[in-house]
Amino acid sequence: MSDNNHSRDVFDAIADPTRRQLIRLIAEAGEIPLHELTSHFQMGRTAVSKHLTILKEAGLVHDRKVGRETRFRLNAAPLREIQDWVAFYSRFWSMNMLRLNQLLEEEEE
């Protein structure tokens, strides 16, 4: 779907609500350690790590080691593909609503 070299589709990566929440938390924090991310969910560290791996495979997050801690930060660039897809359908619906309004106005006349 994209020209990027990521091993996972961005749409697939954001399909899960837990991963969307992870993206939001990381974006709001700028950079956040795994233990802080885990505290926001009712699942263990391993489950959160699996979700983060999927986001990393899609290129949406980067991680770095700081001592014994792993910190995550957002790479929003791959989200451009989703923004472009949504923008296409936004224009599609705007045009269709405009056409519908024109038809309704013509019928009133």
N, C-alpha and C. Protein backbone atom coordinates (compact mmCIF):
# COMPACT_ATOMS: atom_id res chain seq x y z
N MET A 1 0.79 -1.20 0.00
CA MET A 1 0.00 0.00 0.00
C MET A 1 0.83 1.26 0.00
N SER A 2 2.07 1.13 0.37
CA SER A 2 2.93 2.29 0.52
C SER A 2 4.31 1.97 -0.04
N ASP A 3 5.06 3.02 -0.31
CA ASP A 3 6.41 2.85 -0.84
C ASP A 3 7.43 2.62 0.27
N ASN A 4 7.00 2.67 1.53
CA ASN A 4 7.97 2.58 2.62
C ASN A 4 8.53 1.17 2.72
N ASN A 5 9.60 1.04 3.49
CA ASN A 5 10.28 -0.24 3.64
C ASN A 5 9.85 -0.96 4.91
N HIS A 6 8.76 -0.58 5.48
CA HIS A 6 8.32 -1.19 6.73
C HIS A 6 7.74 -2.57 6.44
N SER A 7 7.86 -3.45 7.42
CA SER A 7 7.42 -4.82 7.23
C SER A 7 5.95 -5.02 7.56
N ARG A 8 5.27 -3.99 8.04
CA ARG A 8 3.85 -4.12 8.38
C ARG A 8 3.09 -2.91 7.84
N ASP A 9 1.88 -3.18 7.37
CA ASP A 9 1.01 -2.14 6.84
C ASP A 9 0.57 -1.20 7.97
N VAL A 10 0.60 0.09 7.71
CA VAL A 10 0.22 1.09 8.71
C VAL A 10 -1.25 0.94 9.08
N PHE A 11 -2.10 0.64 8.11
CA PHE A 11 -3.52 0.47 8.40
C PHE A 11 -3.74 -0.71 9.35
N ASP A 12 -3.01 -1.78 9.12
CA ASP A 12 -3.08 -2.95 10.00
C ASP A 12 -2.61 -2.58 11.41
N ALA A 13 -1.55 -1.80 11.48
CA ALA A 13 -0.98 -1.43 12.77
C ALA A 13 -1.94 -0.60 13.61
N ILE A 14 -2.69 0.30 12.99
CA ILE A 14 -3.59 1.16 13.77
C ILE A 14 -4.99 0.58 13.89
N ALA A 15 -5.23 -0.59 13.33
CA ALA A 15 -6.56 -1.20 13.39
C ALA A 15 -6.98 -1.56 14.80
N ASP A 16 -6.04 -1.82 15.66
CA ASP A 16 -6.34 -2.24 17.02
C ASP A 16 -6.47 -1.03 17.95
N PRO A 17 -7.54 -0.95 18.76
CA PRO A 17 -7.71 0.20 19.65
C PRO A 17 -6.59 0.36 20.68
N THR A 18 -6.01 -0.74 21.11
CA THR A 18 -4.89 -0.64 22.06
C THR A 18 -3.71 0.06 21.41
N ARG A 19 -3.43 -0.27 20.16
CA ARG A 19 -2.30 0.37 19.47
C ARG A 19 -2.59 1.84 19.20
N ARG A 20 -3.83 2.17 18.90
CA ARG A 20 -4.17 3.58 18.71
C ARG A 20 -3.97 4.35 20.02
N GLN A 21 -4.34 3.73 21.13
CA GLN A 21 -4.13 4.38 22.43
C GLN A 21 -2.64 4.53 22.72
N LEU A 22 -1.85 3.51 22.39
CA LEU A 22 -0.40 3.61 22.58
C LEU A 22 0.17 4.77 21.77
N ILE A 23 -0.27 4.91 20.54
CA ILE A 23 0.20 6.01 19.69
C ILE A 23 -0.12 7.35 20.34
N ARG A 24 -1.35 7.47 20.84
CA ARG A 24 -1.75 8.73 21.48
C ARG A 24 -0.90 9.02 22.72
N LEU A 25 -0.72 8.02 23.56
CA LEU A 25 0.08 8.20 24.78
C LEU A 25 1.51 8.61 24.45
N ILE A 26 2.09 7.95 23.46
CA ILE A 26 3.47 8.26 23.07
C ILE A 26 3.54 9.67 22.49
N ALA A 27 2.56 10.01 21.66
CA ALA A 27 2.55 11.35 21.05
C ALA A 27 2.43 12.43 22.12
N GLU A 28 1.57 12.20 23.10
CA GLU A 28 1.38 13.20 24.16
C GLU A 28 2.62 13.34 25.04
N ALA A 29 3.32 12.24 25.26
CA ALA A 29 4.49 12.27 26.14
C ALA A 29 5.75 12.75 25.44
N GLY A 30 5.81 12.57 24.14
CA GLY A 30 7.04 12.87 23.41
C GLY A 30 7.96 11.67 23.42
N GLU A 31 8.28 11.21 24.60
CA GLU A 31 9.05 9.98 24.79
C GLU A 31 8.61 9.40 26.13
N ILE A 32 8.40 8.09 26.15
CA ILE A 32 7.85 7.49 27.36
C ILE A 32 8.40 6.08 27.55
N PRO A 33 8.75 5.72 28.77
CA PRO A 33 9.27 4.38 29.02
C PRO A 33 8.16 3.32 29.01
N LEU A 34 8.56 2.11 28.74
CA LEU A 34 7.63 0.98 28.65
C LEU A 34 6.81 0.83 29.93
N HIS A 35 7.42 0.94 31.09
CA HIS A 35 6.68 0.73 32.33
C HIS A 35 5.57 1.75 32.50
N GLU A 36 5.77 2.99 32.03
CA GLU A 36 4.71 4.00 32.10
C GLU A 36 3.58 3.69 31.13
N LEU A 37 3.93 3.23 29.94
CA LEU A 37 2.90 2.83 28.98
C LEU A 37 2.06 1.69 29.53
N THR A 38 2.72 0.71 30.10
CA THR A 38 2.03 -0.46 30.63
C THR A 38 1.03 -0.09 31.71
N SER A 39 1.33 0.94 32.49
CA SER A 39 0.45 1.33 33.59
C SER A 39 -0.91 1.83 33.10
N HIS A 40 -1.05 2.16 31.84
CA HIS A 40 -2.31 2.66 31.28
C HIS A 40 -3.24 1.55 30.82
N PHE A 41 -2.80 0.31 30.90
CA PHE A 41 -3.58 -0.80 30.36
C PHE A 41 -3.78 -1.90 31.39
N GLN A 42 -4.83 -2.65 31.20
CA GLN A 42 -5.09 -3.80 32.07
C GLN A 42 -4.55 -5.06 31.40
N MET A 43 -3.30 -5.01 31.06
CA MET A 43 -2.61 -6.15 30.47
C MET A 43 -1.16 -6.07 30.92
N GLY A 44 -0.48 -7.16 30.76
CA GLY A 44 0.90 -7.21 31.21
C GLY A 44 1.87 -6.53 30.27
N ARG A 45 3.07 -6.41 30.75
CA ARG A 45 4.16 -5.79 29.99
C ARG A 45 4.42 -6.52 28.67
N THR A 46 4.33 -7.84 28.69
CA THR A 46 4.57 -8.63 27.48
C THR A 46 3.53 -8.31 26.40
N ALA A 47 2.27 -8.19 26.79
CA ALA A 47 1.21 -7.87 25.83
C ALA A 47 1.41 -6.48 25.24
N VAL A 48 1.75 -5.51 26.09
CA VAL A 48 2.00 -4.15 25.61
C VAL A 48 3.21 -4.16 24.67
N SER A 49 4.24 -4.91 25.02
CA SER A 49 5.43 -5.01 24.17
C SER A 49 5.10 -5.59 22.80
N LYS A 50 4.19 -6.55 22.74
CA LYS A 50 3.79 -7.13 21.45
C LYS A 50 3.10 -6.07 20.58
N HIS A 51 2.25 -5.27 21.20
CA HIS A 51 1.60 -4.18 20.44
C HIS A 51 2.64 -3.17 19.96
N LEU A 52 3.60 -2.85 20.81
CA LEU A 52 4.65 -1.90 20.42
C LEU A 52 5.50 -2.46 19.29
N THR A 53 5.73 -3.76 19.28
CA THR A 53 6.49 -4.38 18.19
C THR A 53 5.77 -4.20 16.86
N ILE A 54 4.47 -4.36 16.87
CA ILE A 54 3.68 -4.15 15.63
C ILE A 54 3.79 -2.70 15.18
N LEU A 55 3.72 -1.77 16.11
CA LEU A 55 3.87 -0.35 15.76
C LEU A 55 5.27 -0.06 15.24
N LYS A 56 6.28 -0.70 15.83
CA LYS A 56 7.65 -0.52 15.35
C LYS A 56 7.81 -1.09 13.94
N GLU A 57 7.22 -2.25 13.67
CA GLU A 57 7.31 -2.86 12.34
C GLU A 57 6.67 -1.99 11.27
N ALA A 58 5.68 -1.20 11.66
CA ALA A 58 5.02 -0.28 10.73
C ALA A 58 5.75 1.06 10.66
N GLY A 59 6.80 1.21 11.46
CA GLY A 59 7.58 2.44 11.45
C GLY A 59 6.95 3.57 12.25
N LEU A 60 5.92 3.26 13.04
CA LEU A 60 5.21 4.30 13.78
C LEU A 60 5.87 4.70 15.09
N VAL A 61 6.67 3.83 15.67
CA VAL A 61 7.38 4.17 16.89
C VAL A 61 8.84 3.75 16.77
N HIS A 62 9.67 4.48 17.47
CA HIS A 62 11.09 4.15 17.60
C HIS A 62 11.36 3.94 19.08
N ASP A 63 12.32 3.09 19.36
CA ASP A 63 12.68 2.88 20.76
C ASP A 63 14.17 3.10 20.94
N ARG A 64 14.54 3.36 22.17
CA ARG A 64 15.95 3.48 22.52
C ARG A 64 16.12 3.04 23.96
N LYS A 65 17.27 2.47 24.21
CA LYS A 65 17.61 2.02 25.56
C LYS A 65 18.25 3.16 26.33
N VAL A 66 17.80 3.36 27.56
CA VAL A 66 18.40 4.31 28.48
C VAL A 66 18.64 3.51 29.75
N GLY A 67 19.85 3.06 29.92
CA GLY A 67 20.14 2.15 31.03
C GLY A 67 19.40 0.84 30.83
N ARG A 68 18.62 0.46 31.81
CA ARG A 68 17.84 -0.77 31.72
C ARG A 68 16.45 -0.53 31.17
N GLU A 69 16.14 0.71 30.85
CA GLU A 69 14.80 1.12 30.45
C GLU A 69 14.72 1.29 28.93
N THR A 70 13.58 0.91 28.36
CA THR A 70 13.33 1.16 26.94
C THR A 70 12.32 2.28 26.83
N ARG A 71 12.66 3.30 26.08
CA ARG A 71 11.79 4.45 25.87
C ARG A 71 11.30 4.47 24.43
N PHE A 72 10.07 4.93 24.26
CA PHE A 72 9.44 4.95 22.95
C PHE A 72 9.07 6.37 22.57
N ARG A 73 9.21 6.65 21.27
CA ARG A 73 8.77 7.95 20.73
C ARG A 73 8.07 7.70 19.41
N LEU A 74 7.20 8.61 19.05
CA LEU A 74 6.38 8.48 17.85
C LEU A 74 7.15 8.93 16.61
N ASN A 75 6.96 8.20 15.54
CA ASN A 75 7.36 8.63 14.21
C ASN A 75 6.07 8.76 13.42
N ALA A 76 5.54 9.95 13.32
CA ALA A 76 4.22 10.17 12.73
C ALA A 76 4.22 10.12 11.21
N ALA A 77 5.37 10.12 10.57
CA ALA A 77 5.43 10.16 9.11
C ALA A 77 4.59 9.08 8.43
N PRO A 78 4.60 7.83 8.89
CA PRO A 78 3.77 6.82 8.23
C PRO A 78 2.26 7.09 8.32
N LEU A 79 1.85 7.93 9.26
CA LEU A 79 0.43 8.27 9.38
C LEU A 79 -0.04 9.12 8.20
N ARG A 80 0.90 9.67 7.45
CA ARG A 80 0.55 10.47 6.26
C ARG A 80 -0.28 9.63 5.29
N GLU A 81 0.05 8.35 5.17
CA GLU A 81 -0.69 7.45 4.28
C GLU A 81 -2.17 7.39 4.69
N ILE A 82 -2.43 7.35 5.97
CA ILE A 82 -3.81 7.31 6.46
C ILE A 82 -4.48 8.65 6.25
N GLN A 83 -3.75 9.71 6.52
CA GLN A 83 -4.30 11.05 6.31
C GLN A 83 -4.69 11.24 4.84
N ASP A 84 -3.85 10.80 3.92
CA ASP A 84 -4.15 10.92 2.49
C ASP A 84 -5.39 10.11 2.12
N TRP A 85 -5.52 8.92 2.68
CA TRP A 85 -6.65 8.05 2.38
C TRP A 85 -7.95 8.68 2.89
N VAL A 86 -7.92 9.21 4.11
CA VAL A 86 -9.10 9.85 4.68
C VAL A 86 -9.44 11.12 3.90
N ALA A 87 -8.45 11.87 3.50
CA ALA A 87 -8.67 13.12 2.75
C ALA A 87 -9.38 12.83 1.42
N PHE A 88 -9.02 11.74 0.76
CA PHE A 88 -9.68 11.38 -0.49
C PHE A 88 -11.18 11.18 -0.26
N TYR A 89 -11.54 10.44 0.78
CA TYR A 89 -12.94 10.18 1.05
C TYR A 89 -13.66 11.39 1.62
N SER A 90 -12.96 12.26 2.26
CA SER A 90 -13.55 13.51 2.71
C SER A 90 -13.98 14.35 1.50
N ARG A 91 -13.09 14.43 0.52
CA ARG A 91 -13.44 15.15 -0.72
C ARG A 91 -14.58 14.45 -1.45
N PHE A 92 -14.55 13.12 -1.47
CA PHE A 92 -15.59 12.32 -2.12
C PHE A 92 -16.96 12.65 -1.53
N TRP A 93 -17.06 12.63 -0.20
CA TRP A 93 -18.35 12.90 0.44
C TRP A 93 -18.74 14.36 0.29
N SER A 94 -17.80 15.26 0.34
CA SER A 94 -18.12 16.68 0.15
C SER A 94 -18.72 16.92 -1.22
N MET A 95 -18.13 16.31 -2.23
CA MET A 95 -18.64 16.47 -3.61
C MET A 95 -20.03 15.85 -3.74
N ASN A 96 -20.22 14.69 -3.16
CA ASN A 96 -21.54 14.04 -3.24
C ASN A 96 -22.60 14.84 -2.51
N MET A 97 -22.26 15.42 -1.38
CA MET A 97 -23.22 16.24 -0.65
C MET A 97 -23.54 17.51 -1.43
N LEU A 98 -22.55 18.08 -2.09
CA LEU A 98 -22.78 19.25 -2.93
C LEU A 98 -23.73 18.91 -4.07
N ARG A 99 -23.49 17.77 -4.71
CA ARG A 99 -24.38 17.33 -5.80
C ARG A 99 -25.79 17.10 -5.29
N LEU A 100 -25.93 16.49 -4.14
CA LEU A 100 -27.25 16.24 -3.56
C LEU A 100 -27.95 17.56 -3.28
N ASN A 101 -27.25 18.52 -2.70
CA ASN A 101 -27.84 19.83 -2.44
C ASN A 101 -28.29 20.50 -3.73
N GLN A 102 -27.48 20.39 -4.78
CA GLN A 102 -27.86 20.98 -6.07
C GLN A 102 -29.11 20.33 -6.62
N LEU A 103 -29.21 19.01 -6.52
CA LEU A 103 -30.40 18.30 -6.99
C LEU A 103 -31.64 18.72 -6.20
N LEU A 104 -31.49 18.84 -4.90
CA LEU A 104 -32.63 19.25 -4.07
C LEU A 104 -33.07 20.67 -4.40
N GLU A 105 -32.10 21.55 -4.65
CA GLU A 105 -32.45 22.93 -5.01
C GLU A 105 -33.15 22.97 -6.36
N GLU A 106 -32.71 22.14 -7.32
CA GLU A 106 -33.34 22.10 -8.64
C GLU A 106 -34.78 21.58 -8.54
N GLU A 107 -35.01 20.60 -7.66
CA GLU A 107 -36.36 20.06 -7.50
C GLU A 107 -37.29 21.09 -6.86
N GLU A 108 -36.75 21.95 -5.99
CA GLU A 108 -37.57 22.97 -5.35
C GLU A 108 -38.00 24.05 -6.33
N GLU A 109 -37.23 24.27 -7.38
CA GLU A 109 -37.51 25.35 -8.33
C GLU A 109 -38.57 24.97 -9.30
